[in-house]
Amino acid sequence: QLHLTMSEKTQLTKSLEMVQNELQEKEGEMKRAISEYKDRLLQAEKEHQEANQKNEAEIEACHEKISSLEHFISSQKLEIEHLKSNKEQLNNSLKEANQTLGELLKTKVR
């Protein structure tokens, strides 16, 4: 009986060692996989952060371009108003000159 029990104990000990070894291997594999996923996550986060910074820089450049164009449009509107005013003054001067010319021609004809 004792011999049989000792034999069973030896077998159970071997089985336990095999299970423990398998668990250690699996744990090692899991740790390597976790480490690999962490590395990939860090890389993805880094790339995401770099893309965000690039996008923010592009957005800022676009805002500056829009601001510049708005300023340009504003100055062009002022220039157009100035040209309209000059045109109106020139038209008035032309009308006066034509009236004066007409009066001079009438005087000359007489």
PDB file of N, CA and C in Angstrom:
ATOM      1  N   GLN A   1       0.850  -1.203   0.000  1.00  0.00           N
ATOM      2  CA  GLN A   1       0.000   0.000   0.000  1.00  0.00           C
ATOM      3  C   GLN A   1       0.889   1.258   0.000  1.00  0.00           C
ATOM      4  N   LEU A   2       1.877   1.217   0.903  1.00  0.00           N
ATOM      5  CA  LEU A   2       2.788   2.368   1.001  1.00  0.00           C
ATOM      6  C   LEU A   2       3.528   2.567  -0.313  1.00  0.00           C
ATOM      7  N   HIS A   3       3.989   1.478  -0.906  1.00  0.00           N
ATOM      8  CA  HIS A   3       4.705   1.550  -2.184  1.00  0.00           C
ATOM      9  C   HIS A   3       3.809   2.147  -3.270  1.00  0.00           C
ATOM     10  N   LEU A   4       2.553   1.695  -3.300  1.00  0.00           N
ATOM     11  CA  LEU A   4       1.593   2.196  -4.276  1.00  0.00           C
ATOM     12  C   LEU A   4       1.340   3.691  -4.056  1.00  0.00           C
ATOM     13  N   THR A   5       1.193   4.084  -2.836  1.00  0.00           N
ATOM     14  CA  THR A   5       0.954   5.492  -2.499  1.00  0.00           C
ATOM     15  C   THR A   5       2.165   6.337  -2.878  1.00  0.00           C
ATOM     16  N   MET A   6       3.372   5.823  -2.601  1.00  0.00           N
ATOM     17  CA  MET A   6       4.598   6.546  -2.947  1.00  0.00           C
ATOM     18  C   MET A   6       4.715   6.685  -4.463  1.00  0.00           C
ATOM     19  N   SER A   7       4.342   5.653  -5.169  1.00  0.00           N
ATOM     20  CA  SER A   7       4.389   5.668  -6.625  1.00  0.00           C
ATOM     21  C   SER A   7       3.395   6.700  -7.176  1.00  0.00           C
ATOM     22  N   GLU A   8       2.204   6.726  -6.615  1.00  0.00           N
ATOM     23  CA  GLU A   8       1.190   7.718  -7.037  1.00  0.00           C
ATOM     24  C   GLU A   8       1.681   9.133  -6.741  1.00  0.00           C
ATOM     25  N   LYS A   9       2.312   9.274  -5.561  1.00  0.00           N
ATOM     26  CA  LYS A   9       2.830  10.597  -5.182  1.00  0.00           C
ATOM     27  C   LYS A   9       3.884  11.053  -6.189  1.00  0.00           C
ATOM     28  N   THR A  10       4.756  10.157  -6.600  1.00  0.00           N
ATOM     29  CA  THR A  10       5.809  10.477  -7.558  1.00  0.00           C
ATOM     30  C   THR A  10       5.191  10.891  -8.896  1.00  0.00           C
ATOM     31  N   GLN A  11       4.192  10.127  -9.314  1.00  0.00           N
ATOM     32  CA  GLN A  11       3.522  10.451 -10.590  1.00  0.00           C
ATOM     33  C   GLN A  11       2.813  11.796 -10.509  1.00  0.00           C
ATOM     34  N   LEU A  12       2.129  12.009  -9.382  1.00  0.00           N
ATOM     35  CA  LEU A  12       1.427  13.291  -9.216  1.00  0.00           C
ATOM     36  C   LEU A  12       2.428  14.448  -9.176  1.00  0.00           C
ATOM     37  N   THR A  13       3.564  14.238  -8.546  1.00  0.00           N
ATOM     38  CA  THR A  13       4.600  15.272  -8.484  1.00  0.00           C
ATOM     39  C   THR A  13       5.120  15.575  -9.885  1.00  0.00           C
ATOM     40  N   LYS A  14       5.353  14.532 -10.684  1.00  0.00           N
ATOM     41  CA  LYS A  14       5.813  14.727 -12.065  1.00  0.00           C
ATOM     42  C   LYS A  14       4.748  15.472 -12.878  1.00  0.00           C
ATOM     43  N   SER A  15       3.502  15.060 -12.712  1.00  0.00           N
ATOM     44  CA  SER A  15       2.405  15.724 -13.435  1.00  0.00           C
ATOM     45  C   SER A  15       2.314  17.198 -13.032  1.00  0.00           C
ATOM     46  N   LEU A  16       2.443  17.439 -11.727  1.00  0.00           N
ATOM     47  CA  LEU A  16       2.394  18.814 -11.224  1.00  0.00           C
ATOM     48  C   LEU A  16       3.535  19.632 -11.806  1.00  0.00           C
ATOM     49  N   GLU A  17       4.729  19.059 -11.856  1.00  0.00           N
ATOM     50  CA  GLU A  17       5.884  19.760 -12.427  1.00  0.00           C
ATOM     51  C   GLU A  17       5.650  20.069 -13.905  1.00  0.00           C
ATOM     52  N   MET A  18       5.076  19.094 -14.632  1.00  0.00           N
ATOM     53  CA  MET A  18       4.796  19.312 -16.058  1.00  0.00           C
ATOM     54  C   MET A  18       3.785  20.449 -16.231  1.00  0.00           C
ATOM     55  N   VAL A  19       2.741  20.430 -15.411  1.00  0.00           N
ATOM     56  CA  VAL A  19       1.714  21.485 -15.486  1.00  0.00           C
ATOM     57  C   VAL A  19       2.334  22.834 -15.138  1.00  0.00           C
ATOM     58  N   GLN A  20       3.181  22.836 -14.084  1.00  0.00           N
ATOM     59  CA  GLN A  20       3.833  24.085 -13.694  1.00  0.00           C
ATOM     60  C   GLN A  20       4.749  24.588 -14.813  1.00  0.00           C
ATOM     61  N   ASN A  21       5.473  23.682 -15.446  1.00  0.00           N
ATOM     62  CA  ASN A  21       6.352  24.079 -16.553  1.00  0.00           C
ATOM     63  C   ASN A  21       5.535  24.640 -17.716  1.00  0.00           C
ATOM     64  N   GLU A  22       4.429  23.992 -18.036  1.00  0.00           N
ATOM     65  CA  GLU A  22       3.558  24.495 -19.107  1.00  0.00           C
ATOM     66  C   GLU A  22       3.015  25.876 -18.761  1.00  0.00           C
ATOM     67  N   LEU A  23       2.586  26.018 -17.488  1.00  0.00           N
ATOM     68  CA  LEU A  23       2.078  27.324 -17.057  1.00  0.00           C
ATOM     69  C   LEU A  23       3.150  28.400 -17.150  1.00  0.00           C
ATOM     70  N   GLN A  24       4.386  28.055 -16.782  1.00  0.00           N
ATOM     71  CA  GLN A  24       5.481  29.018 -16.872  1.00  0.00           C
ATOM     72  C   GLN A  24       5.751  29.392 -18.328  1.00  0.00           C
ATOM     73  N   GLU A  25       5.705  28.403 -19.214  1.00  0.00           N
ATOM     74  CA  GLU A  25       5.893  28.691 -20.640  1.00  0.00           C
ATOM     75  C   GLU A  25       4.792  29.611 -21.150  1.00  0.00           C
ATOM     76  N   LYS A  26       3.553  29.264 -20.781  1.00  0.00           N
ATOM     77  CA  LYS A  26       2.417  30.080 -21.220  1.00  0.00           C
ATOM     78  C   LYS A  26       2.518  31.494 -20.652  1.00  0.00           C
ATOM     79  N   GLU A  27       2.937  31.585 -19.379  1.00  0.00           N
ATOM     80  CA  GLU A  27       3.099  32.898 -18.759  1.00  0.00           C
ATOM     81  C   GLU A  27       4.160  33.710 -19.514  1.00  0.00           C
ATOM     82  N   GLY A  28       5.259  33.045 -19.871  1.00  0.00           N
ATOM     83  CA  GLY A  28       6.323  33.717 -20.634  1.00  0.00           C
ATOM     84  C   GLY A  28       5.793  34.204 -21.982  1.00  0.00           C
ATOM     85  N   GLU A  29       5.035  33.330 -22.659  1.00  0.00           N
ATOM     86  CA  GLU A  29       4.450  33.721 -23.948  1.00  0.00           C
ATOM     87  C   GLU A  29       3.510  34.907 -23.780  1.00  0.00           C
ATOM     88  N   MET A  30       2.689  34.841 -22.734  1.00  0.00           N
ATOM     89  CA  MET A  30       1.744  35.936 -22.470  1.00  0.00           C
ATOM     90  C   MET A  30       2.491  37.247 -22.192  1.00  0.00           C
ATOM     91  N   LYS A  31       3.553  37.150 -21.382  1.00  0.00           N
ATOM     92  CA  LYS A  31       4.322  38.356 -21.058  1.00  0.00           C
ATOM     93  C   LYS A  31       4.960  38.947 -22.318  1.00  0.00           C
ATOM     94  N   ARG A  32       5.486  38.052 -23.186  1.00  0.00           N
ATOM     95  CA  ARG A  32       6.070  38.539 -24.445  1.00  0.00           C
ATOM     96  C   ARG A  32       5.005  39.197 -25.321  1.00  0.00           C
ATOM     97  N   ALA A  33       3.828  38.566 -25.384  1.00  0.00           N
ATOM     98  CA  ALA A  33       2.733  39.123 -26.194  1.00  0.00           C
ATOM     99  C   ALA A  33       2.290  40.471 -25.631  1.00  0.00           C
ATOM    100  N   ILE A  34       2.164  40.557 -24.308  1.00  0.00           N
ATOM    101  CA  ILE A  34       1.769  41.824 -23.674  1.00  0.00           C
ATOM    102  C   ILE A  34       2.801  42.900 -23.971  1.00  0.00           C
ATOM    103  N   SER A  35       4.084  42.520 -23.845  1.00  0.00           N
ATOM    104  CA  SER A  35       5.158  43.475 -24.121  1.00  0.00           C
ATOM    105  C   SER A  35       5.097  43.949 -25.572  1.00  0.00           C
ATOM    106  N   GLU A  36       4.865  43.005 -26.487  1.00  0.00           N
ATOM    107  CA  GLU A  36       4.765  43.368 -27.907  1.00  0.00           C
ATOM    108  C   GLU A  36       3.583  44.303 -28.154  1.00  0.00           C
ATOM    109  N   TYR A  37       2.438  44.002 -27.547  1.00  0.00           N
ATOM    110  CA  TYR A  37       1.265  44.858 -27.725  1.00  0.00           C
ATOM    111  C   TYR A  37       1.482  46.237 -27.115  1.00  0.00           C
ATOM    112  N   LYS A  38       2.165  46.272 -25.971  1.00  0.00           N
ATOM    113  CA  LYS A  38       2.468  47.576 -25.354  1.00  0.00           C
ATOM    114  C   LYS A  38       3.358  48.402 -26.275  1.00  0.00           C
ATOM    115  N   ASP A  39       4.379  47.742 -26.863  1.00  0.00           N
ATOM    116  CA  ASP A  39       5.279  48.445 -27.791  1.00  0.00           C
ATOM    117  C   ASP A  39       4.493  48.977 -28.992  1.00  0.00           C
ATOM    118  N   ARG A  40       3.606  48.131 -29.524  1.00  0.00           N
ATOM    119  CA  ARG A  40       2.812  48.557 -30.680  1.00  0.00           C
ATOM    120  C   ARG A  40       1.885  49.705 -30.302  1.00  0.00           C
ATOM    121  N   LEU A  41       1.309  49.628 -29.101  1.00  0.00           N
ATOM    122  CA  LEU A  41       0.427  50.698 -28.634  1.00  0.00           C
ATOM    123  C   LEU A  41       1.197  52.005 -28.487  1.00  0.00           C
ATOM    124  N   LEU A  42       2.383  51.938 -27.898  1.00  0.00           N
ATOM    125  CA  LEU A  42       3.209  53.142 -27.745  1.00  0.00           C
ATOM    126  C   LEU A  42       3.556  53.737 -29.103  1.00  0.00           C
ATOM    127  N   GLN A  43       3.905  52.870 -30.052  1.00  0.00           N
ATOM    128  CA  GLN A  43       4.235  53.339 -31.393  1.00  0.00           C
ATOM    129  C   GLN A  43       3.023  54.005 -32.046  1.00  0.00           C
ATOM    130  N   ALA A  44       1.857  53.368 -31.899  1.00  0.00           N
ATOM    131  CA  ALA A  44       0.636  53.929 -32.484  1.00  0.00           C
ATOM    132  C   ALA A  44       0.302  55.275 -31.838  1.00  0.00           C
ATOM    133  N   GLU A  45       0.463  55.364 -30.521  1.00  0.00           N
ATOM    134  CA  GLU A  45       0.205  56.631 -29.824  1.00  0.00           C
ATOM    135  C   GLU A  45       1.171  57.722 -30.289  1.00  0.00           C
ATOM    136  N   LYS A  46       2.430  57.335 -30.471  1.00  0.00           N
ATOM    137  CA  LYS A  46       3.442  58.297 -30.949  1.00  0.00           C
ATOM    138  C   LYS A  46       3.076  58.796 -32.352  1.00  0.00           C
ATOM    139  N   GLU A  47       2.712  57.855 -33.236  1.00  0.00           N
ATOM    140  CA  GLU A  47       2.333  58.245 -34.594  1.00  0.00           C
ATOM    141  C   GLU A  47       1.083  59.127 -34.575  1.00  0.00           C
ATOM    142  N   HIS A  48       0.135  58.783 -33.709  1.00  0.00           N
ATOM    143  CA  HIS A  48      -1.098  59.569 -33.589  1.00  0.00           C
ATOM    144  C   HIS A  48      -0.773  60.991 -33.114  1.00  0.00           C
ATOM    145  N   GLN A  49       0.103  61.086 -32.129  1.00  0.00           N
ATOM    146  CA  GLN A  49       0.492  62.401 -31.603  1.00  0.00           C
ATOM    147  C   GLN A  49       1.199  63.229 -32.681  1.00  0.00           C
ATOM    148  N   GLU A  50       2.094  62.581 -33.439  1.00  0.00           N
ATOM    149  CA  GLU A  50       2.806  63.281 -34.509  1.00  0.00           C
ATOM    150  C   GLU A  50       1.825  63.760 -35.582  1.00  0.00           C
ATOM    151  N   ALA A  51       0.855  62.906 -35.917  1.00  0.00           N
ATOM    152  CA  ALA A  51      -0.154  63.289 -36.916  1.00  0.00           C
ATOM    153  C   ALA A  51      -0.982  64.459 -36.401  1.00  0.00           C
ATOM    154  N   ASN A  52      -1.342  64.424 -35.112  1.00  0.00           N
ATOM    155  CA  ASN A  52      -2.101  65.533 -34.529  1.00  0.00           C
ATOM    156  C   ASN A  52      -1.324  66.836 -34.596  1.00  0.00           C
ATOM    157  N   GLN A  53      -0.030  66.761 -34.268  1.00  0.00           N
ATOM    158  CA  GLN A  53       0.794  67.971 -34.308  1.00  0.00           C
ATOM    159  C   GLN A  53       0.889  68.504 -35.734  1.00  0.00           C
ATOM    160  N   LYS A  54       1.053  67.598 -36.688  1.00  0.00           N
ATOM    161  CA  LYS A  54       1.125  68.011 -38.092  1.00  0.00           C
ATOM    162  C   LYS A  54      -0.191  68.661 -38.515  1.00  0.00           C
ATOM    163  N   ASN A  55      -1.316  68.031 -38.130  1.00  0.00           N
ATOM    164  CA  ASN A  55      -2.630  68.583 -38.481  1.00  0.00           C
ATOM    165  C   ASN A  55      -2.836  69.946 -37.844  1.00  0.00           C
ATOM    166  N   GLU A  56      -2.424  70.086 -36.581  1.00  0.00           N
ATOM    167  CA  GLU A  56      -2.570  71.383 -35.907  1.00  0.00           C
ATOM    168  C   GLU A  56      -1.746  72.455 -36.613  1.00  0.00           C
ATOM    169  N   ALA A  57      -0.548  72.085 -37.057  1.00  0.00           N
ATOM    170  CA  ALA A  57       0.298  73.045 -37.780  1.00  0.00           C
ATOM    171  C   ALA A  57      -0.362  73.434 -39.107  1.00  0.00           C
ATOM    172  N   GLU A  58      -0.936  72.450 -39.797  1.00  0.00           N
ATOM    173  CA  GLU A  58      -1.616  72.736 -41.061  1.00  0.00           C
ATOM    174  C   GLU A  58      -2.845  73.613 -40.834  1.00  0.00           C
ATOM    175  N   ILE A  59      -3.588  73.325 -39.770  1.00  0.00           N
ATOM    176  CA  ILE A  59      -4.768  74.133 -39.445  1.00  0.00           C
ATOM    177  C   ILE A  59      -4.349  75.565 -39.152  1.00  0.00           C
ATOM    178  N   GLU A  60      -3.282  75.730 -38.378  1.00  0.00           N
ATOM    179  CA  GLU A  60      -2.790  77.075 -38.047  1.00  0.00           C
ATOM    180  C   GLU A  60      -2.365  77.808 -39.325  1.00  0.00           C
ATOM    181  N   ALA A  61      -1.685  77.102 -40.221  1.00  0.00           N
ATOM    182  CA  ALA A  61      -1.267  77.717 -41.487  1.00  0.00           C
ATOM    183  C   ALA A  61      -2.495  78.132 -42.306  1.00  0.00           C
ATOM    184  N   CYS A  62      -3.521  77.308 -42.292  1.00  0.00           N
ATOM    185  CA  CYS A  62      -4.757  77.643 -43.022  1.00  0.00           C
ATOM    186  C   CYS A  62      -5.429  78.874 -42.411  1.00  0.00           C
ATOM    187  N   HIS A  63      -5.465  78.935 -41.070  1.00  0.00           N
ATOM    188  CA  HIS A  63      -6.049  80.113 -40.407  1.00  0.00           C
ATOM    189  C   HIS A  63      -5.287  81.383 -40.794  1.00  0.00           C
ATOM    190  N   GLU A  64      -3.964  81.275 -40.832  1.00  0.00           N
ATOM    191  CA  GLU A  64      -3.146  82.434 -41.202  1.00  0.00           C
ATOM    192  C   GLU A  64      -3.421  82.841 -42.652  1.00  0.00           C
ATOM    193  N   LYS A  65      -3.544  81.849 -43.533  1.00  0.00           N
ATOM    194  CA  LYS A  65      -3.827  82.131 -44.944  1.00  0.00           C
ATOM    195  C   LYS A  65      -5.194  82.794 -45.083  1.00  0.00           C
ATOM    196  N   ILE A  66      -6.198  82.268 -44.357  1.00  0.00           N
ATOM    197  CA  ILE A  66      -7.544  82.853 -44.393  1.00  0.00           C
ATOM    198  C   ILE A  66      -7.494  84.297 -43.910  1.00  0.00           C
ATOM    199  N   SER A  67      -6.789  84.522 -42.806  1.00  0.00           N
ATOM    200  CA  SER A  67      -6.678  85.878 -42.257  1.00  0.00           C
ATOM    201  C   SER A  67      -6.023  86.811 -43.278  1.00  0.00           C
ATOM    202  N   SER A  68      -4.972  86.323 -43.919  1.00  0.00           N
ATOM    203  CA  SER A  68      -4.281  87.113 -44.933  1.00  0.00           C
ATOM    204  C   SER A  68      -5.205  87.437 -46.101  1.00  0.00           C
ATOM    205  N   LEU A  69      -5.962  86.423 -46.552  1.00  0.00           N
ATOM    206  CA  LEU A  69      -6.890  86.638 -47.676  1.00  0.00           C
ATOM    207  C   LEU A  69      -8.015  87.601 -47.294  1.00  0.00           C
ATOM    208  N   GLU A  70      -8.509  87.473 -46.057  1.00  0.00           N
ATOM    209  CA  GLU A  70      -9.559  88.397 -45.606  1.00  0.00           C
ATOM    210  C   GLU A  70      -9.040  89.837 -45.594  1.00  0.00           C
ATOM    211  N   HIS A  71      -7.801  90.001 -45.136  1.00  0.00           N
ATOM    212  CA  HIS A  71      -7.198  91.340 -45.120  1.00  0.00           C
ATOM    213  C   HIS A  71      -7.044  91.860 -46.554  1.00  0.00           C
ATOM    214  N   PHE A  72      -6.606  90.981 -47.459  1.00  0.00           N
ATOM    215  CA  PHE A  72      -6.438  91.360 -48.858  1.00  0.00           C
ATOM    216  C   PHE A  72      -7.788  91.764 -49.468  1.00  0.00           C
ATOM    217  N   ILE A  73      -8.823  90.964 -49.203  1.00  0.00           N
ATOM    218  CA  ILE A  73     -10.169  91.268 -49.728  1.00  0.00           C
ATOM    219  C   ILE A  73     -10.649  92.605 -49.188  1.00  0.00           C
ATOM    220  N   SER A  74     -10.433  92.832 -47.913  1.00  0.00           N
ATOM    221  CA  SER A  74     -10.840  94.099 -47.298  1.00  0.00           C
ATOM    222  C   SER A  74     -10.144  95.278 -47.977  1.00  0.00           C
ATOM    223  N   SER A  75      -8.836  95.149 -48.216  1.00  0.00           N
ATOM    224  CA  SER A  75      -8.107  96.245 -48.866  1.00  0.00           C
ATOM    225  C   SER A  75      -8.580  96.426 -50.315  1.00  0.00           C
ATOM    226  N   GLN A  76      -8.921  95.324 -50.990  1.00  0.00           N
ATOM    227  CA  GLN A  76      -9.430  95.419 -52.359  1.00  0.00           C
ATOM    228  C   GLN A  76     -10.782  96.116 -52.391  1.00  0.00           C
ATOM    229  N   LYS A  77     -11.635  95.841 -51.403  1.00  0.00           N
ATOM    230  CA  LYS A  77     -12.938  96.520 -51.329  1.00  0.00           C
ATOM    231  C   LYS A  77     -12.752  98.027 -51.154  1.00  0.00           C
ATOM    232  N   LEU A  78     -11.802  98.388 -50.287  1.00  0.00           N
ATOM    233  CA  LEU A  78     -11.522  99.811 -50.095  1.00  0.00           C
ATOM    234  C   LEU A  78     -11.023 100.435 -51.395  1.00  0.00           C
ATOM    235  N   GLU A  79     -10.151  99.737 -52.094  1.00  0.00           N
ATOM    236  CA  GLU A  79      -9.629 100.227 -53.371  1.00  0.00           C
ATOM    237  C   GLU A  79     -10.760 100.395 -54.384  1.00  0.00           C
ATOM    238  N   ILE A  80     -11.689  99.428 -54.429  1.00  0.00           N
ATOM    239  CA  ILE A  80     -12.831  99.509 -55.355  1.00  0.00           C
ATOM    240  C   ILE A  80     -13.684 100.728 -55.023  1.00  0.00           C
ATOM    241  N   GLU A  81     -13.945 100.954 -53.733  1.00  0.00           N
ATOM    242  CA  GLU A  81     -14.733 102.132 -53.331  1.00  0.00           C
ATOM    243  C   GLU A  81     -14.020 103.420 -53.741  1.00  0.00           C
ATOM    244  N   HIS A  82     -12.714 103.438 -53.548  1.00  0.00           N
ATOM    245  CA  HIS A  82     -11.926 104.614 -53.928  1.00  0.00           C
ATOM    246  C   HIS A  82     -12.014 104.835 -55.449  1.00  0.00           C
ATOM    247  N   LEU A  83     -11.890 103.756 -56.230  1.00  0.00           N
ATOM    248  CA  LEU A  83     -11.970 103.873 -57.691  1.00  0.00           C
ATOM    249  C   LEU A  83     -13.366 104.316 -58.136  1.00  0.00           C
ATOM    250  N   LYS A  84     -14.404 103.817 -57.472  1.00  0.00           N
ATOM    251  CA  LYS A  84     -15.777 104.245 -57.806  1.00  0.00           C
ATOM    252  C   LYS A  84     -15.947 105.737 -57.554  1.00  0.00           C
ATOM    253  N   SER A  85     -15.397 106.183 -56.434  1.00  0.00           N
ATOM    254  CA  SER A  85     -15.487 107.603 -56.101  1.00  0.00           C
ATOM    255  C   SER A  85     -14.753 108.447 -57.151  1.00  0.00           C
ATOM    256  N   ASN A  86     -13.537 108.004 -57.523  1.00  0.00           N
ATOM    257  CA  ASN A  86     -12.781 108.718 -58.553  1.00  0.00           C
ATOM    258  C   ASN A  86     -13.534 108.723 -59.880  1.00  0.00           C
ATOM    259  N   LYS A  87     -14.153 107.597 -60.230  1.00  0.00           N
ATOM    260  CA  LYS A  87     -14.901 107.499 -61.479  1.00  0.00           C
ATOM    261  C   LYS A  87     -16.068 108.490 -61.464  1.00  0.00           C
ATOM    262  N   GLU A  88     -16.749 108.552 -60.330  1.00  0.00           N
ATOM    263  CA  GLU A  88     -17.880 109.480 -60.221  1.00  0.00           C
ATOM    264  C   GLU A  88     -17.402 110.926 -60.377  1.00  0.00           C
ATOM    265  N   GLN A  89     -16.272 111.239 -59.740  1.00  0.00           N
ATOM    266  CA  GLN A  89     -15.727 112.595 -59.861  1.00  0.00           C
ATOM    267  C   GLN A  89     -15.332 112.893 -61.313  1.00  0.00           C
ATOM    268  N   LEU A  90     -14.684 111.893 -61.971  1.00  0.00           N
ATOM    269  CA  LEU A  90     -14.290 112.092 -63.366  1.00  0.00           C
ATOM    270  C   LEU A  90     -15.518 112.247 -64.269  1.00  0.00           C
ATOM    271  N   ASN A  91     -16.566 111.463 -64.012  1.00  0.00           N
ATOM    272  CA  ASN A  91     -17.803 111.593 -64.793  1.00  0.00           C
ATOM    273  C   ASN A  91     -18.415 112.983 -64.628  1.00  0.00           C
ATOM    274  N   ASN A  92     -18.419 113.458 -63.375  1.00  0.00           N
ATOM    275  CA  ASN A  92     -18.956 114.809 -63.127  1.00  0.00           C
ATOM    276  C   ASN A  92     -18.118 115.869 -63.839  1.00  0.00           C
ATOM    277  N   SER A  93     -16.795 115.708 -63.764  1.00  0.00           N
ATOM    278  CA  SER A  93     -15.912 116.665 -64.447  1.00  0.00           C
ATOM    279  C   SER A  93     -16.131 116.612 -65.956  1.00  0.00           C
ATOM    280  N   LEU A  94     -16.301 115.390 -66.491  1.00  0.00           N
ATOM    281  CA  LEU A  94     -16.547 115.236 -67.925  1.00  0.00           C
ATOM    282  C   LEU A  94     -17.864 115.905 -68.322  1.00  0.00           C
ATOM    283  N   LYS A  95     -18.886 115.733 -67.513  1.00  0.00           N
ATOM    284  CA  LYS A  95     -20.175 116.371 -67.800  1.00  0.00           C
ATOM    285  C   LYS A  95     -20.021 117.895 -67.818  1.00  0.00           C
ATOM    286  N   GLU A  96     -19.306 118.406 -66.809  1.00  0.00           N
ATOM    287  CA  GLU A  96     -19.097 119.851 -66.754  1.00  0.00           C
ATOM    288  C   GLU A  96     -18.316 120.335 -67.975  1.00  0.00           C
ATOM    289  N   ALA A  97     -17.271 119.549 -68.333  1.00  0.00           N
ATOM    290  CA  ALA A  97     -16.450 119.938 -69.489  1.00  0.00           C
ATOM    291  C   ALA A  97     -17.285 119.895 -70.766  1.00  0.00           C
ATOM    292  N   ASN A  98     -18.141 118.871 -70.900  1.00  0.00           N
ATOM    293  CA  ASN A  98     -19.006 118.768 -72.082  1.00  0.00           C
ATOM    294  C   ASN A  98     -20.004 119.924 -72.132  1.00  0.00           C
ATOM    295  N   GLN A  99     -20.530 120.286 -70.945  1.00  0.00           N
ATOM    296  CA  GLN A  99     -21.468 121.426 -70.915  1.00  0.00           C
ATOM    297  C   GLN A  99     -20.752 122.719 -71.307  1.00  0.00           C
ATOM    298  N   THR A 100     -19.558 122.886 -70.758  1.00  0.00           N
ATOM    299  CA  THR A 100     -18.775 124.077 -71.083  1.00  0.00           C
ATOM    300  C   THR A 100     -18.442 124.095 -72.572  1.00  0.00           C
ATOM    301  N   LEU A 101     -18.041 122.953 -73.116  1.00  0.00           N
ATOM    302  CA  LEU A 101     -17.727 122.850 -74.537  1.00  0.00           C
ATOM    303  C   LEU A 101     -18.960 123.169 -75.377  1.00  0.00           C
ATOM    304  N   GLY A 102     -20.102 122.610 -74.951  1.00  0.00           N
ATOM    305  CA  GLY A 102     -21.351 122.884 -75.676  1.00  0.00           C
ATOM    306  C   GLY A 102     -21.667 124.367 -75.671  1.00  0.00           C
ATOM    307  N   GLU A 103     -21.511 125.002 -74.509  1.00  0.00           N
ATOM    308  CA  GLU A 103     -21.783 126.436 -74.422  1.00  0.00           C
ATOM    309  C   GLU A 103     -20.808 127.225 -75.290  1.00  0.00           C
ATOM    310  N   LEU A 104     -19.529 126.830 -75.305  1.00  0.00           N
ATOM    311  CA  LEU A 104     -18.532 127.515 -76.118  1.00  0.00           C
ATOM    312  C   LEU A 104     -18.841 127.354 -77.599  1.00  0.00           C
ATOM    313  N   LEU A 105     -19.280 126.113 -77.977  1.00  0.00           N
ATOM    314  CA  LEU A 105     -19.619 125.891 -79.384  1.00  0.00           C
ATOM    315  C   LEU A 105     -20.815 126.736 -79.792  1.00  0.00           C
ATOM    316  N   LYS A 106     -21.806 126.851 -78.881  1.00  0.00           N
ATOM    317  CA  LYS A 106     -22.994 127.673 -79.173  1.00  0.00           C
ATOM    318  C   LYS A 106     -22.569 129.140 -79.339  1.00  0.00           C
ATOM    319  N   THR A 107     -21.659 129.578 -78.443  1.00  0.00           N
ATOM    320  CA  THR A 107     -21.192 130.966 -78.508  1.00  0.00           C
ATOM    321  C   THR A 107     -20.425 131.194 -79.801  1.00  0.00           C
ATOM    322  N   LYS A 108     -19.614 130.246 -80.196  1.00  0.00           N
ATOM    323  CA  LYS A 108     -18.795 130.366 -81.407  1.00  0.00           C
ATOM    324  C   LYS A 108     -19.672 130.385 -82.652  1.00  0.00           C
ATOM    325  N   VAL A 109     -20.722 129.587 -82.656  1.00  0.00           N
ATOM    326  CA  VAL A 109     -21.623 129.500 -83.806  1.00  0.00           C
ATOM    327  C   VAL A 109     -22.332 130.816 -83.997  1.00  0.00           C
ATOM    328  N   ARG A 110     -22.673 131.503 -82.928  1.00  0.00           N
ATOM    329  CA  ARG A 110     -23.407 132.763 -82.999  1.00  0.00           C
ATOM    330  C   ARG A 110     -22.577 133.810 -83.588  1.00  0.00           C
TER     331      ARG A 110
END
